[in-house]
Every structure is written in structure tokens, then in C-alpha cells.
Amino acid sequence: MDYTSSSHISSWIFTSKQLSELRTRANNEARRYLQKEQVKKRHQQQLEQQQQDDDVRVANEAGGATSSTSGSSTPLPVSFAKGYAHRTRDHDMPMMTEASEPKEELPFLSPPEETTLLNFYATKLFSLIGPKAQHPPLRRDIKVASTAALLLRRFYLSNSVMVYDPKVFMVASAFLATKIEDCTVNIKYLEEGTKLMKAHVPIPEIIKSEIHLAAGIDYDLFCLHPYKTVEAYTEDLRTFLKSKEGSACCVNRTSVGSADLLPLYEEAKNIVEQLATTDVPLIATAGKIGLVAMKTAMDTVTNRDDDENQQEGIIEIDFRNYLKIRFGGSRTEKEIEDLWSEIEGLCATIKELSSVETENMIALKEIHKKFKKCRGGGDEKKKKKKKRKRNDTE
């Protein structure tokens, strides 16, 4: 298979600017939808009130029963994110406009607030499915959790958490990922897993949301991950560093043993797992992420206490030189330098993501309150209860 022409690379790799544009569009469309729903709801309430008044009058006159009308349903998801990078490059994408201001203030989430909420649920996925799952029947390979996280992030590039509950779609993405990675689970275990996480999602909602999830990513289920890339780089380095050319890439060694790369490999795997819950898989290919993980792992292990480094026998590698020597025969010097600049840029992005994680968790509680209000949860129900109590006392 030619991975460079796969849908993962051709349709689902974006720049940070493009991700921002997509999320802004999804946010704006959700606002417009919710504004229309608010108008419909107000009209529906007027009709219901009129119906109730008529029913009461009829019931008083003829003993009839009261009736009710049903509310609106959730709209079908869209998938305008797939292939967006190519359409913008070819000037084929319509201009994105700001959502009109609502006549009545609604507690809308901003695109950054939506992303913060999405990051939270993407992280929680690894407690639901994968090797660290709380419920033993849901323990699967790390690749399953990574696929689920990537499906979830793809979906919310075209759709908003204000319309589609991320808690429910988190579970749906886990269910779909087990099928994609050919290690299916009984759906009842997923429901049990959500109960253990104190975030219960019933089976009917999981099934319905799985269908919407697939539609929201245009049924494109192909996902690539950097785990095999890290293994490949480790095996290549193990052989290459023993050669005459490769020895020039060893900063603090003249010889390399078979176990010398193990600390680097283990740390790189941990970094790849952490990156699976971020935007990095949407802005870089699996090959580049694997190399970034190796370099970041090297920086991590070599910056530990000197005594610890000596005790563990940490090897330090010049990855820039490794790229030049190892791949210089098939790439020009400019291509290698451009690639290295991109790798360094991704390393900086990873550091930024790590630095804002604490701030996001502090703000998450307030965002979640706003999210509940936006989805018609808290305040309106409380107002109705208070109104009933006042009417009862009167």
C-alpha cells in the first residue's frame, strides 16, 4: 500500500490555521442552528401553552384529556473537514463568515472552549478503552484507543460539541475503533465501562451516535499511528549506529549495545500515547510524529539527573546528523533541512500543548457549566421548577 496517497494523509492532515478555520466554521454553524432552535422552541412553547389552555377549557366542558407535542430532533452531522487542506489550496472553499449575534443572549461556547472540552474527553477515552481501561473486558491494544481519539477529533472538525454531546460520541468512537482495529467488544461492556467512569451512556445512545460519527467523518475510517514508526526507527538506529557512518551520530558513545536504546524507545512510546489525545495527529504524518517522539524522548532522558543517566547508560544521539547521513542519498540537503525545521517546530508545538494543559483543566469546570446551559440543561429546568413551586404556593 502507498501510504503517501492514503486518505489519512491526503484528506486528514491540516495546518494549525486550517484547524482553527474548520472549528470556527463548525462553531458558527452550531450557533446558527441553536438560534433557529431557540426561535422554534419559543414558538413551540406558545403553541403548547395555547393547546394547554384549550385542553383545560375542553376538559372542563367535556372531560377530555390533555395532549402534548414533540420537540425537534438533532440534525444530521456534516463532514466538510475531509480534504479541506486541498480545497483551500485550490481556492475551492467558500469564505467563512461569523455567526450573526443572537437576539437573545445564549451561553455559546467559543471554538477554544470547545477544543478544551474535546481534549478532556479524548483523554478520558484511554480510561474507557485500551490497555489502561478501568473495565477489564475493555482492555485492548493502545492502537484501539488512539484510533478512537483520532475519529473523535476528526468528527469535531465539522461538528460542534454544542450540538453533539462529546461524552456520548467518546463512547461511540471507542465502539467503532474496536471494529476498525478488528478487536470488537460487546457493547454492554462499554455501557458498564461508562458506569464505572460515572458517566453513564446507555446502549441505544451508543448505537445511534456511532452511525452519526461515521457520517460526520464521511465514512473514512482509515487511521495511521506512529507506534510502528517508533519501533522502525529504534531498529534502524540499533543497526545504523554500529556502522562507521552511524557512529558519528553518537554524541557520548563509541559503541552501542542492544539494550542501550531501550530507555529511549520506552519514553518515545509514552510520548506517542500522550500525543494521541492532542491535535498533533491532525497536523503531522505518523512518520514525522514518530521521529518527533524519538527526539523528544532523547531530550527527556538526557535532561534527567546525571547520576541517573550514568546508572541507566543513556545514549545521546544527534538526530539532525542521523537524518543527513541516513537519508542524504535520497533527499537533497535542502529537503533534509526543511524536514528538520518541521521536526523542531513540532517539538515546540508539543511543549506548548503540555504547558497549557494545566490551565485548561482549571478552566474546564466553568466550560462544562456553560456547556450544560448551552445544551438546554441546567438553568431552564431550574426556572421551571421554581415557577411550579410559586404556582403551588399561590
Protein backbone atom coordinates (compact mmCIF):
# COMPACT_ATOMS: atom_id res chain seq x y z
CA MET A 1 0.00 0.00 0.00
CA ASP A 2 1.19 3.53 -0.83
CA TYR A 3 0.74 5.37 2.46
CA THR A 4 1.56 8.74 0.92
CA SER A 5 -1.63 8.57 -1.15
CA SER A 6 -3.81 7.18 1.66
CA SER A 7 -6.90 9.11 2.75
CA HIS A 8 -5.30 9.70 6.16
CA ILE A 9 -2.54 11.77 4.58
CA SER A 10 -4.44 13.20 1.60
CA SER A 11 -7.61 14.19 3.48
CA TRP A 12 -6.91 14.47 7.20
CA ILE A 13 -3.64 16.40 7.60
CA PHE A 14 -4.02 20.15 8.19
CA THR A 15 -2.12 23.22 9.30
CA SER A 16 -2.89 24.76 12.70
CA LYS A 17 -4.56 27.67 10.85
CA GLN A 18 -6.80 25.30 8.91
CA LEU A 19 -7.84 23.50 12.10
CA SER A 20 -8.82 26.87 13.58
CA GLU A 21 -10.83 27.76 10.46
CA LEU A 22 -12.68 24.44 10.50
CA ARG A 23 -13.55 24.70 14.18
CA THR A 24 -14.70 28.27 13.72
CA ARG A 25 -17.00 27.22 10.90
CA ALA A 26 -18.39 24.29 12.93
CA ASN A 27 -18.93 26.63 15.88
CA ASN A 28 -20.68 29.24 13.73
CA GLU A 29 -22.98 26.70 12.12
CA ALA A 30 -23.87 25.30 15.55
CA ARG A 31 -24.69 28.81 16.78
CA ARG A 32 -26.97 29.43 13.80
CA TYR A 33 -28.69 26.08 14.37
CA LEU A 34 -29.18 26.75 18.08
CA GLN A 35 -30.50 30.25 17.38
CA LYS A 36 -33.09 28.80 14.99
CA GLU A 37 -33.95 26.13 17.54
CA GLN A 38 -34.47 28.81 20.16
CA VAL A 39 -36.97 30.59 17.89
CA LYS A 40 -38.71 27.26 17.17
CA LYS A 41 -38.74 26.42 20.86
CA ARG A 42 -40.29 29.75 21.75
CA HIS A 43 -42.94 29.25 19.09
CA GLN A 44 -43.48 25.66 20.25
CA GLN A 45 -43.93 26.83 23.85
CA GLN A 46 -46.53 29.36 22.73
CA LEU A 47 -48.39 26.66 20.81
CA GLU A 48 -48.18 24.28 23.76
CA GLN A 49 -49.45 26.95 26.12
CA GLN A 50 -52.31 27.70 23.79
CA GLN A 51 -53.00 23.97 23.43
CA GLN A 52 -52.95 23.51 27.19
CA ASP A 53 -55.37 26.42 27.65
CA ASP A 54 -57.68 24.93 25.03
CA ASP A 55 -57.37 21.45 26.56
CA VAL A 56 -58.19 22.77 30.01
CA ARG A 57 -61.24 24.57 28.64
CA VAL A 58 -62.35 21.45 26.71
CA ALA A 59 -61.65 19.21 29.71
CA ASN A 60 -63.72 21.45 31.93
CA GLU A 61 -66.55 21.43 29.45
CA ALA A 62 -66.46 17.80 28.24
CA GLY A 63 -63.97 15.90 30.47
CA GLY A 64 -61.39 15.45 27.68
CA ALA A 65 -57.69 14.56 28.18
CA THR A 66 -54.79 16.91 27.55
CA SER A 67 -52.30 16.38 24.68
CA SER A 68 -48.67 17.29 24.00
CA THR A 69 -46.41 17.91 21.02
CA SER A 70 -42.94 16.54 20.43
CA GLY A 71 -39.75 18.59 20.21
CA SER A 72 -37.23 18.82 17.39
CA SER A 73 -34.56 16.20 16.73
CA THR A 74 -30.79 16.55 16.45
CA PRO A 75 -29.69 17.48 12.89
CA LEU A 76 -27.71 15.05 10.75
CA PRO A 77 -23.92 15.56 11.12
CA VAL A 78 -21.85 17.04 8.31
CA SER A 79 -18.33 16.36 7.07
CA PHE A 80 -16.81 19.42 5.41
CA ALA A 81 -13.39 18.89 7.06
CA LYS A 82 -12.31 15.92 4.93
CA GLY A 83 -9.98 17.14 2.18
CA TYR A 84 -10.22 20.74 3.39
CA ALA A 85 -6.46 21.33 3.05
CA HIS A 86 -6.61 20.55 -0.69
CA ARG A 87 -9.73 22.62 -1.28
CA THR A 88 -8.25 25.70 0.39
CA ARG A 89 -5.04 25.24 -1.57
CA ASP A 90 -7.08 25.15 -4.79
CA HIS A 91 -9.20 28.13 -3.63
CA ASP A 92 -12.29 25.94 -3.72
CA MET A 93 -13.60 26.62 -0.22
CA PRO A 94 -16.28 29.23 0.44
CA MET A 95 -15.48 32.13 2.71
CA MET A 96 -16.28 31.57 6.36
CA THR A 97 -18.43 34.20 7.98
CA GLU A 98 -19.02 35.00 11.60
CA ALA A 99 -22.27 33.82 13.14
CA SER A 100 -24.86 36.54 13.50
CA GLU A 101 -25.39 37.78 17.02
CA PRO A 102 -28.42 36.18 18.67
CA LYS A 103 -31.32 38.46 19.54
CA GLU A 104 -31.37 36.85 22.95
CA GLU A 105 -28.08 36.00 24.63
CA LEU A 106 -27.31 32.26 24.63
CA PRO A 107 -24.42 30.62 26.52
CA PHE A 108 -22.46 29.66 23.41
CA LEU A 109 -19.03 28.07 23.72
CA SER A 110 -16.16 29.63 21.79
CA PRO A 111 -14.05 27.40 19.47
CA PRO A 112 -11.17 27.28 22.03
CA GLU A 113 -13.63 26.29 24.76
CA GLU A 114 -15.00 23.54 22.54
CA THR A 115 -11.45 22.29 21.93
CA THR A 116 -10.74 22.26 25.67
CA LEU A 117 -13.83 20.11 26.24
CA LEU A 118 -12.84 17.83 23.35
CA ASN A 119 -9.33 17.40 24.78
CA PHE A 120 -10.83 16.34 28.10
CA TYR A 121 -12.97 13.60 26.55
CA ALA A 122 -10.17 12.47 24.23
CA THR A 123 -8.02 11.92 27.32
CA LYS A 124 -10.84 10.07 29.11
CA LEU A 125 -11.05 7.67 26.16
CA PHE A 126 -7.90 5.91 27.35
CA SER A 127 -9.65 5.06 30.63
CA LEU A 128 -12.59 3.59 28.71
CA ILE A 129 -10.80 1.52 26.06
CA GLY A 130 -7.20 0.33 25.64
CA PRO A 131 -4.55 -1.22 27.91
CA LYS A 132 -5.43 1.19 30.77
CA ALA A 133 -9.20 0.70 30.62
CA GLN A 134 -10.89 0.64 34.03
CA HIS A 135 -13.21 -2.20 32.96
CA PRO A 136 -11.09 -5.37 32.27
CA PRO A 137 -13.23 -6.60 29.31
CA LEU A 138 -12.39 -3.33 27.51
CA ARG A 139 -8.62 -3.71 27.73
CA ARG A 140 -7.28 -3.69 24.19
CA ASP A 141 -4.13 -2.62 22.34
CA ILE A 142 -3.15 1.05 22.62
CA LYS A 143 -3.82 1.41 18.89
CA VAL A 144 -7.57 1.00 19.53
CA ALA A 145 -7.67 3.96 21.92
CA SER A 146 -5.57 6.04 19.52
CA THR A 147 -7.91 5.27 16.62
CA ALA A 148 -10.90 6.21 18.77
CA ALA A 149 -9.29 9.52 19.75
CA LEU A 150 -8.48 10.34 16.12
CA LEU A 151 -12.03 9.53 14.95
CA LEU A 152 -13.40 11.77 17.69
CA ARG A 153 -11.16 14.69 16.70
CA ARG A 154 -11.99 14.28 13.01
CA PHE A 155 -15.71 14.36 13.76
CA TYR A 156 -15.50 17.60 15.74
CA LEU A 157 -13.71 19.41 12.93
CA SER A 158 -17.04 19.55 11.08
CA ASN A 159 -19.44 19.34 14.01
CA SER A 160 -19.82 21.10 17.35
CA VAL A 161 -19.96 19.79 20.91
CA MET A 162 -22.83 22.23 21.43
CA VAL A 163 -24.99 20.01 19.20
CA TYR A 164 -23.39 16.58 19.63
CA ASP A 165 -22.59 15.53 23.21
CA PRO A 166 -18.85 14.64 23.37
CA LYS A 167 -19.41 12.22 26.26
CA VAL A 168 -21.70 10.08 24.10
CA PHE A 169 -19.51 10.36 20.99
CA MET A 170 -16.44 9.41 23.03
CA VAL A 171 -18.08 6.04 23.72
CA ALA A 172 -19.27 5.71 20.12
CA SER A 173 -15.74 6.31 18.84
CA ALA A 174 -14.43 3.59 21.16
CA PHE A 175 -17.03 1.13 19.83
CA LEU A 176 -16.26 1.99 16.20
CA ALA A 177 -12.49 1.82 16.79
CA THR A 178 -12.71 -1.77 18.08
CA LYS A 179 -14.32 -2.75 14.79
CA ILE A 180 -11.77 -0.88 12.70
CA GLU A 181 -8.85 -2.49 14.55
CA ASP A 182 -10.52 -5.95 14.38
CA CYS A 183 -10.88 -6.48 18.14
CA THR A 184 -14.55 -5.93 18.77
CA VAL A 185 -16.11 -5.76 22.22
CA ASN A 186 -19.62 -6.47 23.43
CA ILE A 187 -21.41 -3.14 23.55
CA LYS A 188 -22.77 -3.93 27.03
CA TYR A 189 -19.20 -3.73 28.36
CA LEU A 190 -18.94 -0.18 27.04
CA GLU A 191 -22.09 0.78 28.90
CA GLU A 192 -20.67 -0.86 32.03
CA GLY A 193 -17.40 1.00 31.49
CA THR A 194 -19.18 4.35 31.38
CA LYS A 195 -20.90 3.50 34.66
CA LEU A 196 -17.51 2.81 36.26
CA MET A 197 -16.35 6.22 35.00
CA LYS A 198 -19.52 7.78 36.49
CA ALA A 199 -20.53 8.96 33.02
CA HIS A 200 -23.26 6.51 32.05
CA VAL A 201 -24.16 6.26 28.36
CA PRO A 202 -26.93 3.74 27.52
CA ILE A 203 -26.61 1.27 24.64
CA PRO A 204 -29.23 2.90 22.35
CA GLU A 205 -27.35 6.22 22.50
CA ILE A 206 -24.04 4.49 21.68
CA ILE A 207 -25.52 2.81 18.60
CA LYS A 208 -27.21 5.97 17.34
CA SER A 209 -24.10 8.08 17.89
CA GLU A 210 -21.84 5.54 16.17
CA ILE A 211 -23.91 5.99 12.98
CA HIS A 212 -23.67 9.77 13.29
CA LEU A 213 -19.94 9.55 13.99
CA ALA A 214 -19.29 7.59 10.79
CA ALA A 215 -21.38 10.06 8.77
CA GLY A 216 -19.57 13.02 10.32
CA ILE A 217 -16.21 11.79 9.02
CA ASP A 218 -17.62 10.85 5.62
CA TYR A 219 -17.23 7.13 6.48
CA ASP A 220 -13.45 7.46 6.18
CA LEU A 221 -12.17 5.04 8.85
CA PHE A 222 -8.51 4.65 7.82
CA CYS A 223 -6.11 5.76 10.58
CA LEU A 224 -2.31 5.64 10.80
CA HIS A 225 -0.41 5.77 14.10
CA PRO A 226 3.28 6.32 14.98
CA TYR A 227 3.76 3.24 17.22
CA LYS A 228 5.21 1.13 14.41
CA THR A 229 7.26 4.13 13.29
CA VAL A 230 8.94 4.34 16.70
CA GLU A 231 9.74 0.63 16.50
CA ALA A 232 11.14 1.04 12.99
CA TYR A 233 13.37 3.99 13.98
CA THR A 234 14.62 2.08 17.03
CA GLU A 235 15.53 -1.00 14.97
CA ASP A 236 17.18 1.13 12.30
CA LEU A 237 19.22 3.05 14.89
CA ARG A 238 20.28 -0.18 16.58
CA THR A 239 21.90 -1.30 13.33
CA PHE A 240 22.94 2.04 11.88
CA LEU A 241 24.74 3.36 14.97
CA LYS A 242 27.05 0.34 14.90
CA SER A 243 28.28 1.26 11.40
CA LYS A 244 31.21 3.55 10.68
CA GLU A 245 28.92 6.30 9.36
CA GLY A 246 26.40 5.89 12.15
CA SER A 247 29.00 6.18 14.92
CA ALA A 248 29.28 9.89 14.05
CA CYS A 249 25.71 10.33 15.33
CA CYS A 250 26.58 9.08 18.84
CA VAL A 251 27.38 12.10 20.98
CA ASN A 252 28.53 10.31 24.14
CA ARG A 253 29.41 6.79 22.96
CA THR A 254 31.89 4.97 20.78
CA SER A 255 29.90 1.70 20.80
CA VAL A 256 26.23 0.82 21.07
CA GLY A 257 24.80 -2.24 22.85
CA SER A 258 21.47 -3.91 22.08
CA ALA A 259 19.86 -2.58 25.28
CA ASP A 260 21.15 1.00 25.02
CA LEU A 261 18.14 2.20 23.04
CA LEU A 262 15.53 0.67 25.37
CA PRO A 263 15.05 3.76 27.62
CA LEU A 264 14.67 5.93 24.52
CA TYR A 265 12.18 3.50 22.96
CA GLU A 266 10.00 3.25 26.08
CA GLU A 267 9.91 7.02 26.57
CA ALA A 268 9.06 7.57 22.88
CA LYS A 269 6.11 5.14 23.15
CA ASN A 270 4.78 7.09 26.14
CA ILE A 271 5.08 10.36 24.21
CA VAL A 272 3.21 8.93 21.20
CA GLU A 273 0.40 7.84 23.53
CA GLN A 274 0.20 11.34 25.04
CA LEU A 275 0.16 12.95 21.58
CA ALA A 276 -2.78 10.77 20.51
CA THR A 277 -5.06 12.94 22.67
CA THR A 278 -3.89 16.19 21.04
CA ASP A 279 -4.10 17.86 17.60
CA VAL A 280 -0.66 16.58 16.58
CA PRO A 281 -2.04 13.56 14.59
CA LEU A 282 -4.07 16.09 12.57
CA ILE A 283 -1.08 18.28 11.65
CA ALA A 284 1.71 15.74 11.02
CA THR A 285 2.09 12.31 9.45
CA ALA A 286 2.82 9.21 11.53
CA GLY A 287 6.42 9.10 10.26
CA LYS A 288 7.16 12.65 11.41
CA ILE A 289 5.39 12.15 14.74
CA GLY A 290 7.50 9.03 15.34
CA LEU A 291 10.72 10.97 14.77
CA VAL A 292 9.50 13.85 16.95
CA ALA A 293 8.72 11.35 19.71
CA MET A 294 12.23 9.88 19.45
CA LYS A 295 13.86 13.32 19.61
CA THR A 296 11.62 14.47 22.47
CA ALA A 297 12.32 11.22 24.31
CA MET A 298 16.06 11.82 23.87
CA ASP A 299 15.74 15.34 25.28
CA THR A 300 13.74 13.96 28.22
CA VAL A 301 16.07 11.13 29.21
CA THR A 302 19.28 13.14 28.72
CA ASN A 303 17.94 16.02 30.86
CA ARG A 304 17.47 13.76 33.84
CA ASP A 305 19.86 13.72 36.79
CA ASP A 306 23.43 12.92 35.67
CA ASP A 307 23.78 10.06 38.16
CA GLU A 308 20.57 8.53 36.84
CA ASN A 309 21.81 8.83 33.26
CA GLN A 310 25.09 7.13 34.10
CA GLN A 311 23.32 4.41 36.02
CA GLU A 312 20.88 3.67 33.18
CA GLY A 313 23.54 4.03 30.48
CA ILE A 314 21.62 6.61 28.46
CA ILE A 315 22.87 7.08 24.90
CA GLU A 316 22.67 10.53 23.31
CA ILE A 317 22.01 10.73 19.56
CA ASP A 318 22.39 13.64 17.15
CA PHE A 319 19.14 13.17 15.21
CA ARG A 320 19.86 16.01 12.81
CA ASN A 321 23.08 14.32 11.75
CA TYR A 322 21.24 10.99 11.62
CA LEU A 323 18.79 12.39 9.05
CA LYS A 324 21.60 13.85 6.94
CA ILE A 325 23.71 10.69 6.84
CA ARG A 326 20.93 8.10 6.77
CA PHE A 327 18.65 9.75 4.21
CA GLY A 328 21.03 12.15 2.42
CA GLY A 329 21.31 9.76 -0.53
CA SER A 330 17.62 10.02 -1.42
CA ARG A 331 16.97 13.63 -0.33
CA THR A 332 18.62 16.93 -1.16
CA GLU A 333 20.30 18.91 1.60
CA LYS A 334 17.51 21.50 1.45
CA GLU A 335 14.85 18.79 1.85
CA ILE A 336 16.65 17.42 4.90
CA GLU A 337 16.95 20.91 6.44
CA ASP A 338 13.28 21.64 5.73
CA LEU A 339 12.32 18.35 7.36
CA TRP A 340 14.45 19.11 10.40
CA SER A 341 12.87 22.57 10.71
CA GLU A 342 9.44 20.91 10.65
CA ILE A 343 10.55 18.41 13.32
CA GLU A 344 11.77 21.22 15.57
CA GLY A 345 8.51 23.09 15.01
CA LEU A 346 6.52 20.03 16.05
CA CYS A 347 8.71 19.66 19.15
CA ALA A 348 7.88 23.26 20.07
CA THR A 349 4.17 22.56 19.50
CA ILE A 350 4.34 19.60 21.88
CA LYS A 351 5.89 21.78 24.58
CA GLU A 352 3.15 24.39 24.10
CA LEU A 353 0.43 21.74 24.40
CA SER A 354 1.99 20.47 27.62
CA SER A 355 2.25 23.96 29.12
CA VAL A 356 -1.43 24.84 28.56
CA GLU A 357 -2.81 21.52 29.82
CA THR A 358 -2.91 22.67 33.46
CA GLU A 359 -4.58 25.96 32.56
CA ASN A 360 -7.20 24.11 30.52
CA MET A 361 -8.03 21.75 33.38
CA ILE A 362 -8.55 24.73 35.70
CA ALA A 363 -10.94 26.33 33.20
CA LEU A 364 -12.69 23.07 32.36
CA LYS A 365 -15.19 23.21 35.22
CA GLU A 366 -16.55 26.58 34.12
CA ILE A 367 -16.62 25.48 30.48
CA HIS A 368 -18.60 22.40 31.41
CA LYS A 369 -21.19 24.51 33.26
CA LYS A 370 -21.52 26.71 30.20
CA PHE A 371 -21.77 23.62 28.00
CA LYS A 372 -24.73 22.28 30.02
CA LYS A 373 -26.56 25.58 29.75
CA CYS A 374 -25.88 25.69 26.02
CA ARG A 375 -27.43 22.24 25.55
CA GLY A 376 -30.57 23.34 27.43
CA GLY A 377 -29.68 21.61 30.65
CA GLY A 378 -29.47 23.42 33.92
CA ASP A 379 -30.97 26.86 34.24
CA GLU A 380 -34.17 26.44 32.26
CA LYS A 381 -35.20 23.33 34.21
CA LYS A 382 -34.44 25.08 37.49
CA LYS A 383 -36.57 28.06 36.45
CA LYS A 384 -39.49 25.76 35.59
CA LYS A 385 -39.25 24.04 38.98
CA LYS A 386 -39.19 27.38 40.78
CA LYS A 387 -42.19 28.55 38.75
CA ARG A 388 -44.13 25.40 39.66
CA LYS A 389 -43.33 25.89 43.34
CA ARG A 390 -44.54 29.51 43.17
CA ASN A 391 -47.75 28.43 41.47
CA ASP A 392 -48.29 25.70 44.07
CA THR A 393 -47.83 28.13 46.98
CA GLU A 394 -50.16 30.65 45.35
